[in-house]
C-alpha atoms as a PDB file:
ATOM      1  CA  MET A   1       6.034  14.527 -24.504  1.00  0.00           C
ATOM      2  CA  SER A   2       8.522  12.133 -25.679  1.00  0.00           C
ATOM      3  CA  ASN A   3      11.058  10.225 -23.178  1.00  0.00           C
ATOM      4  CA  LEU A   4      14.055  12.128 -24.902  1.00  0.00           C
ATOM      5  CA  LYS A   5      12.561  15.595 -24.186  1.00  0.00           C
ATOM      6  CA  PHE A   6      11.382  14.270 -20.568  1.00  0.00           C
ATOM      7  CA  ARG A   7      15.289  13.375 -19.839  1.00  0.00           C
ATOM      8  CA  ALA A   8      16.628  16.576 -21.366  1.00  0.00           C
ATOM      9  CA  GLN A   9      14.085  18.508 -19.156  1.00  0.00           C
ATOM     10  CA  ILE A  10      15.203  16.624 -15.974  1.00  0.00           C
ATOM     11  CA  VAL A  11      19.011  17.199 -16.903  1.00  0.00           C
ATOM     12  CA  CYS A  12      18.259  20.763 -17.334  1.00  0.00           C
ATOM     13  CA  ALA A  13      16.207  21.237 -14.316  1.00  0.00           C
ATOM     14  CA  LEU A  14      18.579  19.356 -11.962  1.00  0.00           C
ATOM     15  CA  PHE A  15      21.558  21.572 -13.352  1.00  0.00           C
ATOM     16  CA  LEU A  16      19.631  24.734 -12.675  1.00  0.00           C
ATOM     17  CA  LEU A  17      18.604  23.460  -9.286  1.00  0.00           C
ATOM     18  CA  SER A  18      22.336  22.478  -8.437  1.00  0.00           C
ATOM     19  CA  MET A  19      23.442  26.208  -9.114  1.00  0.00           C
ATOM     20  CA  SER A  20      21.357  27.169  -5.990  1.00  0.00           C
ATOM     21  CA  ALA A  21      22.376  23.984  -3.942  1.00  0.00           C
ATOM     22  CA  ALA A  22      24.893  26.144  -1.829  1.00  0.00           C
ATOM     23  CA  ALA A  23      21.890  27.406   0.124  1.00  0.00           C
ATOM     24  CA  GLN A  24      21.844  25.997   3.726  1.00  0.00           C
ATOM     25  CA  MET A  25      19.908  22.587   4.264  1.00  0.00           C
ATOM     26  CA  ALA A  26      19.287  22.441   0.463  1.00  0.00           C
ATOM     27  CA  PRO A  27      19.374  18.844  -0.871  1.00  0.00           C
ATOM     28  CA  GLN A  28      22.121  17.622  -3.142  1.00  0.00           C
ATOM     29  CA  ARG A  29      21.126  16.475  -6.522  1.00  0.00           C
ATOM     30  CA  MET A  30      23.484  14.032  -8.195  1.00  0.00           C
ATOM     31  CA  ALA A  31      23.824  12.311 -11.656  1.00  0.00           C
ATOM     32  CA  VAL A  32      20.891  11.609 -13.926  1.00  0.00           C
ATOM     33  CA  THR A  33      20.863   8.362 -15.851  1.00  0.00           C
ATOM     34  CA  PRO A  34      18.137   8.079 -18.549  1.00  0.00           C
ATOM     35  CA  ARG A  35      16.856   4.768 -19.042  1.00  0.00           C
ATOM     36  CA  THR A  36      15.783   2.849 -22.340  1.00  0.00           C
ATOM     37  CA  ALA A  37      12.127   3.127 -23.569  1.00  0.00           C
ATOM     38  CA  GLN A  38       9.730   1.073 -21.746  1.00  0.00           C
ATOM     39  CA  PRO A  39       6.508  -0.424 -22.501  1.00  0.00           C
ATOM     40  CA  GLU A  40       3.347   1.513 -21.497  1.00  0.00           C
ATOM     41  CA  SER A  41       1.954   0.615 -18.070  1.00  0.00           C
ATOM     42  CA  THR A  42      -1.463   1.425 -16.598  1.00  0.00           C
ATOM     43  CA  LEU A  43      -2.229   2.644 -13.016  1.00  0.00           C
ATOM     44  CA  PHE A  44      -4.804   0.157 -11.763  1.00  0.00           C
ATOM     45  CA  GLN A  45      -6.905   1.212  -8.813  1.00  0.00           C
ATOM     46  CA  VAL A  46      -9.345  -0.560  -6.658  1.00  0.00           C
ATOM     47  CA  SER A  47     -12.331   1.545  -5.304  1.00  0.00           C
ATOM     48  CA  THR A  48     -12.056   5.245  -4.546  1.00  0.00           C
ATOM     49  CA  LEU A  49     -10.371   7.407  -1.932  1.00  0.00           C
ATOM     50  CA  ASP A  50     -13.956   8.933  -0.915  1.00  0.00           C
ATOM     51  CA  ALA A  51     -15.115   5.522  -0.321  1.00  0.00           C
ATOM     52  CA  LEU A  52     -12.300   4.774   1.848  1.00  0.00           C
ATOM     53  CA  LEU A  53     -12.555   7.929   3.832  1.00  0.00           C
ATOM     54  CA  GLN A  54     -16.203   7.236   4.304  1.00  0.00           C
ATOM     55  CA  GLY A  55     -15.542   4.014   5.951  1.00  0.00           C
ATOM     56  CA  VAL A  56     -16.065   1.234   3.088  1.00  0.00           C
ATOM     57  CA  TYR A  57     -13.087  -0.964   4.428  1.00  0.00           C
ATOM     58  CA  GLY A  58     -14.634  -4.278   3.480  1.00  0.00           C
ATOM     59  CA  SER A  59     -12.955  -6.883   1.251  1.00  0.00           C
ATOM     60  CA  SER A  60     -13.068  -5.925  -2.541  1.00  0.00           C
ATOM     61  CA  MET A  61     -10.322  -7.829  -4.259  1.00  0.00           C
ATOM     62  CA  THR A  62      -7.866 -10.338  -3.346  1.00  0.00           C
ATOM     63  CA  LEU A  63      -3.931  -9.618  -3.466  1.00  0.00           C
ATOM     64  CA  ALA A  64      -3.613 -12.483  -5.997  1.00  0.00           C
ATOM     65  CA  GLU A  65      -6.233 -10.702  -8.143  1.00  0.00           C
ATOM     66  CA  LEU A  66      -4.367  -7.425  -7.637  1.00  0.00           C
ATOM     67  CA  ARG A  67      -0.968  -8.732  -8.300  1.00  0.00           C
ATOM     68  CA  GLN A  68      -2.289  -9.524 -11.995  1.00  0.00           C
ATOM     69  CA  HIS A  69      -2.419  -5.638 -12.433  1.00  0.00           C
ATOM     70  CA  GLY A  70       1.036  -4.708 -11.141  1.00  0.00           C
ATOM     71  CA  ASP A  71       4.217  -5.351  -9.182  1.00  0.00           C
ATOM     72  CA  PHE A  72       4.565  -1.886  -7.520  1.00  0.00           C
ATOM     73  CA  GLY A  73       2.164   0.380  -5.682  1.00  0.00           C
ATOM     74  CA  LEU A  74       0.371   0.858  -2.221  1.00  0.00           C
ATOM     75  CA  GLY A  75      -2.878   0.706  -0.495  1.00  0.00           C
ATOM     76  CA  ALA A  76      -4.710  -0.712   2.492  1.00  0.00           C
ATOM     77  CA  TYR A  77      -5.935  -4.086   3.690  1.00  0.00           C
ATOM     78  CA  GLU A  78      -9.293  -5.113   4.792  1.00  0.00           C
ATOM     79  CA  GLY A  79     -10.571  -3.506   7.714  1.00  0.00           C
ATOM     80  CA  ILE A  80      -7.603  -0.971   7.459  1.00  0.00           C
ATOM     81  CA  ASP A  81      -5.508  -3.763   9.070  1.00  0.00           C
ATOM     82  CA  GLY A  82      -2.036  -1.921   8.512  1.00  0.00           C
ATOM     83  CA  GLU A  83      -0.566  -0.136   5.261  1.00  0.00           C
ATOM     84  CA  MET A  84       0.183  -1.843   2.016  1.00  0.00           C
ATOM     85  CA  MET A  85       3.387  -1.661   0.256  1.00  0.00           C
ATOM     86  CA  LEU A  86       3.809  -3.496  -3.033  1.00  0.00           C
ATOM     87  CA  VAL A  87       7.497  -3.708  -4.038  1.00  0.00           C
ATOM     88  CA  ASP A  88       9.181  -6.148  -6.659  1.00  0.00           C
ATOM     89  CA  GLY A  89       5.858  -8.119  -6.753  1.00  0.00           C
ATOM     90  CA  HIS A  90       5.623  -8.640  -2.974  1.00  0.00           C
ATOM     91  CA  PHE A  91       2.990  -7.361  -0.724  1.00  0.00           C
ATOM     92  CA  TYR A  92       4.100  -5.992   2.593  1.00  0.00           C
ATOM     93  CA  GLN A  93       1.869  -5.397   5.624  1.00  0.00           C
ATOM     94  CA  MET A  94       2.885  -2.994   8.317  1.00  0.00           C
ATOM     95  CA  ARG A  95       0.510  -3.263  11.320  1.00  0.00           C
ATOM     96  CA  PHE A  96      -0.603  -1.050  14.193  1.00  0.00           C
ATOM     97  CA  ASP A  97       1.574  -3.277  16.617  1.00  0.00           C
ATOM     98  CA  GLY A  98       4.917  -2.368  14.734  1.00  0.00           C
ATOM     99  CA  THR A  99       5.174  -5.698  13.080  1.00  0.00           C
ATOM    100  CA  MET A 100       5.817  -6.406   9.317  1.00  0.00           C
ATOM    101  CA  SER A 101       5.056  -9.335   7.281  1.00  0.00           C
ATOM    102  CA  GLU A 102       4.473 -10.402   3.747  1.00  0.00           C
ATOM    103  CA  ALA A 103       0.662 -10.631   3.112  1.00  0.00           C
ATOM    104  CA  PRO A 104      -0.735 -13.954   1.762  1.00  0.00           C
ATOM    105  CA  PRO A 105      -2.253 -13.852  -1.526  1.00  0.00           C
ATOM    106  CA  ASP A 106      -5.733 -14.608  -0.337  1.00  0.00           C
ATOM    107  CA  GLU A 107      -5.584 -11.262   1.862  1.00  0.00           C
ATOM    108  CA  ARG A 108      -7.916  -8.576   0.613  1.00  0.00           C
ATOM    109  CA  THR A 109      -7.766  -4.973  -0.210  1.00  0.00           C
ATOM    110  CA  PRO A 110     -10.493  -2.134  -0.020  1.00  0.00           C
ATOM    111  CA  PHE A 111      -8.276   0.343  -1.849  1.00  0.00           C
ATOM    112  CA  ALA A 112      -5.222   0.234  -3.775  1.00  0.00           C
ATOM    113  CA  ALA A 113      -3.148   1.595  -6.680  1.00  0.00           C
ATOM    114  CA  VAL A 114      -0.599  -0.578  -8.586  1.00  0.00           C
ATOM    115  CA  THR A 115       1.237  -0.594 -11.615  1.00  0.00           C
ATOM    116  CA  THR A 116       3.906  -2.619 -13.475  1.00  0.00           C
ATOM    117  CA  PHE A 117       7.033  -0.737 -12.727  1.00  0.00           C
ATOM    118  CA  HIS A 118       9.161   0.481 -15.756  1.00  0.00           C
ATOM    119  CA  PRO A 119      10.931   3.674 -14.750  1.00  0.00           C
ATOM    120  CA  ASP A 120      11.680   6.193 -17.552  1.00  0.00           C
ATOM    121  CA  VAL A 121      14.627   7.831 -15.574  1.00  0.00           C
ATOM    122  CA  ARG A 122      16.659   7.523 -12.568  1.00  0.00           C
ATOM    123  CA  PHE A 123      18.633  10.260 -10.466  1.00  0.00           C
ATOM    124  CA  SER A 124      20.000  10.671  -7.029  1.00  0.00           C
ATOM    125  CA  VAL A 125      19.277  12.865  -4.204  1.00  0.00           C
ATOM    126  CA  LYS A 126      20.986  13.525  -0.898  1.00  0.00           C
ATOM    127  CA  ALA A 127      19.683  15.128   2.170  1.00  0.00           C
ATOM    128  CA  ALA A 128      15.984  16.035   1.232  1.00  0.00           C
ATOM    129  CA  SER A 129      12.888  16.388   3.170  1.00  0.00           C
ATOM    130  CA  LEU A 130       9.696  14.756   1.997  1.00  0.00           C
ATOM    131  CA  GLN A 131       8.636  18.113   0.804  1.00  0.00           C
ATOM    132  CA  GLN A 132      11.891  19.012  -0.878  1.00  0.00           C
ATOM    133  CA  LEU A 133      11.894  15.720  -2.639  1.00  0.00           C
ATOM    134  CA  SER A 134       8.323  16.081  -3.717  1.00  0.00           C
ATOM    135  CA  ASP A 135       9.179  19.649  -4.990  1.00  0.00           C
ATOM    136  CA  LEU A 136      12.075  18.440  -6.751  1.00  0.00           C
ATOM    137  CA  ILE A 137      10.340  15.458  -8.445  1.00  0.00           C
ATOM    138  CA  ASP A 138       7.493  17.858  -9.543  1.00  0.00           C
ATOM    139  CA  SER A 139      10.018  20.270 -11.034  1.00  0.00           C
ATOM    140  CA  VAL A 140      11.220  17.805 -13.483  1.00  0.00           C
ATOM    141  CA  LEU A 141       7.925  16.112 -14.474  1.00  0.00           C
ATOM    142  CA  PRO A 142       6.720  16.489 -17.967  1.00  0.00           C
ATOM    143  CA  SER A 143       3.349  17.726 -16.624  1.00  0.00           C
ATOM    144  CA  PRO A 144       1.083  17.926 -13.535  1.00  0.00           C
ATOM    145  CA  ASN A 145      -1.694  16.394 -15.314  1.00  0.00           C
ATOM    146  CA  LEU A 146      -0.300  12.757 -15.577  1.00  0.00           C
ATOM    147  CA  PHE A 147       0.038   9.960 -13.059  1.00  0.00           C
ATOM    148  CA  TYR A 148       3.417   8.837 -11.934  1.00  0.00           C
ATOM    149  CA  ALA A 149       4.877   5.838 -10.132  1.00  0.00           C
ATOM    150  CA  ILE A 150       7.918   6.848  -8.162  1.00  0.00           C
ATOM    151  CA  ARG A 151      10.489   4.408  -6.446  1.00  0.00           C
ATOM    152  CA  VAL A 152      12.910   6.051  -3.863  1.00  0.00           C
ATOM    153  CA  HIS A 153      15.453   3.739  -2.446  1.00  0.00           C
ATOM    154  CA  GLY A 154      18.288   4.181  -0.191  1.00  0.00           C
ATOM    155  CA  THR A 155      19.118   5.418   3.188  1.00  0.00           C
ATOM    156  CA  PHE A 156      16.663   7.609   5.162  1.00  0.00           C
ATOM    157  CA  SER A 157      18.282   9.516   8.055  1.00  0.00           C
ATOM    158  CA  VAL A 158      14.678   9.803   9.573  1.00  0.00           C
ATOM    159  CA  MET A 159      11.616   8.314   8.394  1.00  0.00           C
ATOM    160  CA  ASN A 160       8.123   8.810  10.344  1.00  0.00           C
ATOM    161  CA  THR A 161       5.366   6.618   9.495  1.00  0.00           C
ATOM    162  CA  ARG A 162       1.951   5.523  10.952  1.00  0.00           C
ATOM    163  CA  ALA A 163      -0.355   2.504  10.874  1.00  0.00           C
ATOM    164  CA  ILE A 164      -3.874   2.082  12.049  1.00  0.00           C
ATOM    165  CA  ALA A 165      -5.343  -0.880  14.015  1.00  0.00           C
ATOM    166  CA  LYS A 166      -7.729  -3.191  12.159  1.00  0.00           C
ATOM    167  CA  GLN A 167     -11.312  -2.153  12.079  1.00  0.00           C
ATOM    168  CA  PHE A 168     -14.496  -4.162  12.707  1.00  0.00           C
ATOM    169  CA  LEU A 169     -17.986  -3.524  11.623  1.00  0.00           C
ATOM    170  CA  PRO A 170     -19.728  -0.957  11.956  1.00  0.00           C
ATOM    171  CA  TYR A 171     -16.883   0.933  10.391  1.00  0.00           C
ATOM    172  CA  VAL A 172     -16.446   4.517  11.109  1.00  0.00           C
ATOM    173  CA  PRO A 173     -14.910   7.234   8.862  1.00  0.00           C
ATOM    174  CA  LEU A 174     -11.073   7.126   8.471  1.00  0.00           C
ATOM    175  CA  GLY A 175     -10.856  10.648   9.940  1.00  0.00           C
ATOM    176  CA  GLN A 176     -11.970   9.299  13.250  1.00  0.00           C
ATOM    177  CA  LEU A 177      -9.357   6.744  13.469  1.00  0.00           C
ATOM    178  CA  ILE A 178      -6.431   9.111  12.795  1.00  0.00           C
ATOM    179  CA  PRO A 179      -6.170  10.225  16.485  1.00  0.00           C
ATOM    180  CA  THR A 180      -5.629   6.239  17.291  1.00  0.00           C
ATOM    181  CA  GLN A 181      -3.029   5.701  14.913  1.00  0.00           C
ATOM    182  CA  SER A 182       0.509   4.254  15.919  1.00  0.00           C
ATOM    183  CA  LEU A 183       3.394   6.341  15.072  1.00  0.00           C
ATOM    184  CA  PHE A 184       6.947   5.071  14.186  1.00  0.00           C
ATOM    185  CA  THR A 185      10.284   6.629  13.932  1.00  0.00           C
ATOM    186  CA  TYR A 186      13.357   4.821  12.200  1.00  0.00           C
ATOM    187  CA  SER A 187      16.642   6.297  12.029  1.00  0.00           C
ATOM    188  CA  ASN A 188      19.398   5.590   9.450  1.00  0.00           C
ATOM    189  CA  VAL A 189      17.103   3.037   7.835  1.00  0.00           C
ATOM    190  CA  VAL A 190      17.658   1.563   4.239  1.00  0.00           C
ATOM    191  CA  GLY A 191      14.546   1.120   2.469  1.00  0.00           C
ATOM    192  CA  THR A 192      12.078   1.993  -0.360  1.00  0.00           C
ATOM    193  CA  ALA A 193       9.384   4.706  -0.376  1.00  0.00           C
ATOM    194  CA  VAL A 194       6.604   4.016  -2.647  1.00  0.00           C
ATOM    195  CA  ASP A 195       5.214   7.041  -4.145  1.00  0.00           C
ATOM    196  CA  ILE A 196       2.014   7.455  -6.387  1.00  0.00           C
ATOM    197  CA  ARG A 197       1.497  10.932  -7.630  1.00  0.00           C
ATOM    198  CA  SER A 198      -1.905  11.683  -8.954  1.00  0.00           C
ATOM    199  CA  PRO A 199      -3.061  15.140 -10.592  1.00  0.00           C
ATOM    200  CA  ALA A 200      -5.503  17.599  -9.177  1.00  0.00           C
ATOM    201  CA  TYR A 201      -8.422  16.772 -11.295  1.00  0.00           C
ATOM    202  CA  ILE A 202      -8.560  13.118  -9.546  1.00  0.00           C
ATOM    203  CA  THR A 203      -9.795  14.696  -6.194  1.00  0.00           C
ATOM    204  CA  GLY A 204     -11.926  12.209  -4.340  1.00  0.00           C
ATOM    205  CA  ILE A 205     -10.992   9.244  -6.509  1.00  0.00           C
ATOM    206  CA  ASN A 206      -7.177   9.190  -5.442  1.00  0.00           C
ATOM    207  CA  GLN A 207      -4.942  11.250  -3.211  1.00  0.00           C
ATOM    208  CA  VAL A 208      -3.774  14.390  -5.179  1.00  0.00           C
ATOM    209  CA  GLY A 209      -0.152  14.993  -5.325  1.00  0.00           C
ATOM    210  CA  HIS A 210       2.598  12.607  -3.778  1.00  0.00           C
ATOM    211  CA  HIS A 211       1.540   9.689  -1.380  1.00  0.00           C
ATOM    212  CA  TYR A 212       4.419   7.976   0.158  1.00  0.00           C
ATOM    213  CA  HIS A 213       4.406   4.518   1.870  1.00  0.00           C
ATOM    214  CA  PHE A 214       7.608   3.100   3.175  1.00  0.00           C
ATOM    215  CA  VAL A 215       9.121  -0.557   3.805  1.00  0.00           C
ATOM    216  CA  SER A 216      12.623  -1.113   4.994  1.00  0.00           C
ATOM    217  CA  ASP A 217      14.999  -3.550   3.252  1.00  0.00           C
ATOM    218  CA  ASP A 218      14.995  -5.776   6.187  1.00  0.00           C
ATOM    219  CA  HIS A 219      11.194  -5.852   6.068  1.00  0.00           C
ATOM    220  CA  LYS A 220      11.127  -4.847   9.925  1.00  0.00           C
ATOM    221  CA  GLY A 221       9.587  -1.331   9.608  1.00  0.00           C
ATOM    222  CA  GLY A 222       7.468   0.768   7.344  1.00  0.00           C
ATOM    223  CA  GLY A 223       3.908   2.157   6.976  1.00  0.00           C
ATOM    224  CA  HIS A 224       2.383   5.367   5.541  1.00  0.00           C
ATOM    225  CA  ALA A 225       4.898   7.860   5.376  1.00  0.00           C
ATOM    226  CA  LEU A 226       4.336  11.171   7.262  1.00  0.00           C
ATOM    227  CA  SER A 227       7.676  12.792   6.930  1.00  0.00           C
ATOM    228  CA  PHE A 228      11.257  11.856   6.369  1.00  0.00           C
ATOM    229  CA  THR A 229      14.603  13.115   5.606  1.00  0.00           C
ATOM    230  CA  THR A 230      16.793  11.259   3.076  1.00  0.00           C
ATOM    231  CA  GLY A 231      20.331  10.229   3.185  1.00  0.00           C
ATOM    232  CA  GLU A 232      21.570   9.226  -0.139  1.00  0.00           C
ATOM    233  CA  VAL A 233      18.667   7.841  -2.296  1.00  0.00           C
ATOM    234  CA  THR A 234      17.968   6.871  -5.727  1.00  0.00           C
ATOM    235  CA  VAL A 235      14.858   8.189  -7.314  1.00  0.00           C
ATOM    236  CA  GLU A 236      13.214   6.346 -10.253  1.00  0.00           C
ATOM    237  CA  VAL A 237      10.337   7.783 -11.950  1.00  0.00           C
ATOM    238  CA  GLN A 238       7.710   6.203 -14.393  1.00  0.00           C
ATOM    239  CA  THR A 239       5.238   8.333 -16.400  1.00  0.00           C
ATOM    240  CA  LEU A 240       1.631   6.860 -16.419  1.00  0.00           C
ATOM    241  CA  ARG A 241      -0.822   7.799 -19.188  1.00  0.00           C
ATOM    242  CA  GLN A 242      -3.300   5.009 -18.715  1.00  0.00           C
ATOM    243  CA  TYR A 243      -5.420   4.887 -15.682  1.00  0.00           C
ATOM    244  CA  SER A 244      -8.078   2.260 -14.563  1.00  0.00           C
ATOM    245  CA  VAL A 245     -10.490   2.262 -11.731  1.00  0.00           C
ATOM    246  CA  TRP A 246     -12.113  -1.156 -10.579  1.00  0.00           C
ATOM    247  CA  LEU A 247     -15.224  -0.481  -8.409  1.00  0.00           C
ATOM    248  CA  PRO A 248     -16.714  -2.852  -6.024  1.00  0.00           C
ATOM    249  CA  LEU A 249     -20.134  -4.338  -6.182  1.00  0.00           C
ATOM    250  CA  ASP A 250     -20.590  -4.983  -2.387  1.00  0.00           C
ATOM    251  CA  GLU A 251     -23.404  -3.149  -0.495  1.00  0.00           C
ATOM    252  CA  PRO A 252     -21.334  -0.648   1.430  1.00  0.00           C
ATOM    253  CA  PHE A 253     -19.922   0.844  -1.632  1.00  0.00           C
ATOM    254  CA  LEU A 254     -23.194   0.799  -3.546  1.00  0.00           C
ATOM    255  CA  ARG A 255     -24.923   2.504  -0.629  1.00  0.00           C
ATOM    256  CA  ALA A 256     -22.099   5.051   0.109  1.00  0.00           C
ATOM    257  CA  THR A 257     -22.767   8.700  -0.490  1.00  0.00           C
ATOM    258  CA  LEU A 258     -20.007   9.936  -2.959  1.00  0.00           C
ATOM    259  CA  PRO A 259     -18.296  12.167  -3.077  1.00  0.00           C
ATOM    260  CA  PHE A 260     -17.470  12.333   0.572  1.00  0.00           C
ATOM    261  CA  SER A 261     -16.048  15.446   2.253  1.00  0.00           C
ATOM    262  CA  GLY A 262     -14.477  13.769   4.960  1.00  0.00           C
ATOM    263  CA  ASN A 263     -16.145  15.755   7.474  1.00  0.00           C
END
């Protein structure tokens, strides 16, 4: 689908959605700004989601190597040592103890999805929950069968995130770590939600649908976004038609039983 048709579809969809905005608690949608045509980018991924769920948390690729494939994205750090947010070429690491720092280039990742961010369109939204925002974005996408990199920046009236403590060998499946995660709540925080949206047919390779991580502008808070309510935010969407998966050669990945149900 051409960028022109995509933009026209967004304008039309947002207009139709605005007709029902009078409903109580409905998010407010504001002006759409089409962007000029941008070069094609690839969504580059390290390892697979099933491998991560199974407990393959070892080092696969350095951040310096990963940075060659993009300046925007999300992922995990070696040993699940916090959550990764890649924004404007900077890797941020939100840890279990609530501290945020910029990760060094020799830090490693067992799983990540990044791209060079060139948004196709931009529009504004106000007072939307995570689900409302996801539904709105889905309603204006050209197709559910493509990949998308989505940047949401602005004020979040509430942002709930998580981070998991660093793990050591022998690793256990990720599902067993969820009950031990740290939970964080931020109010009226300004920052960026990094969203990678993947199609349904990629089950087991990447997370289907929207996957949000968050980093505050002051770099003091963030993590894997569990829920949120926006204030006024700007949404930028990039359509990705090229997808590349880099697979590790380390023994834990080679021995892993994939696909993995997570049970």
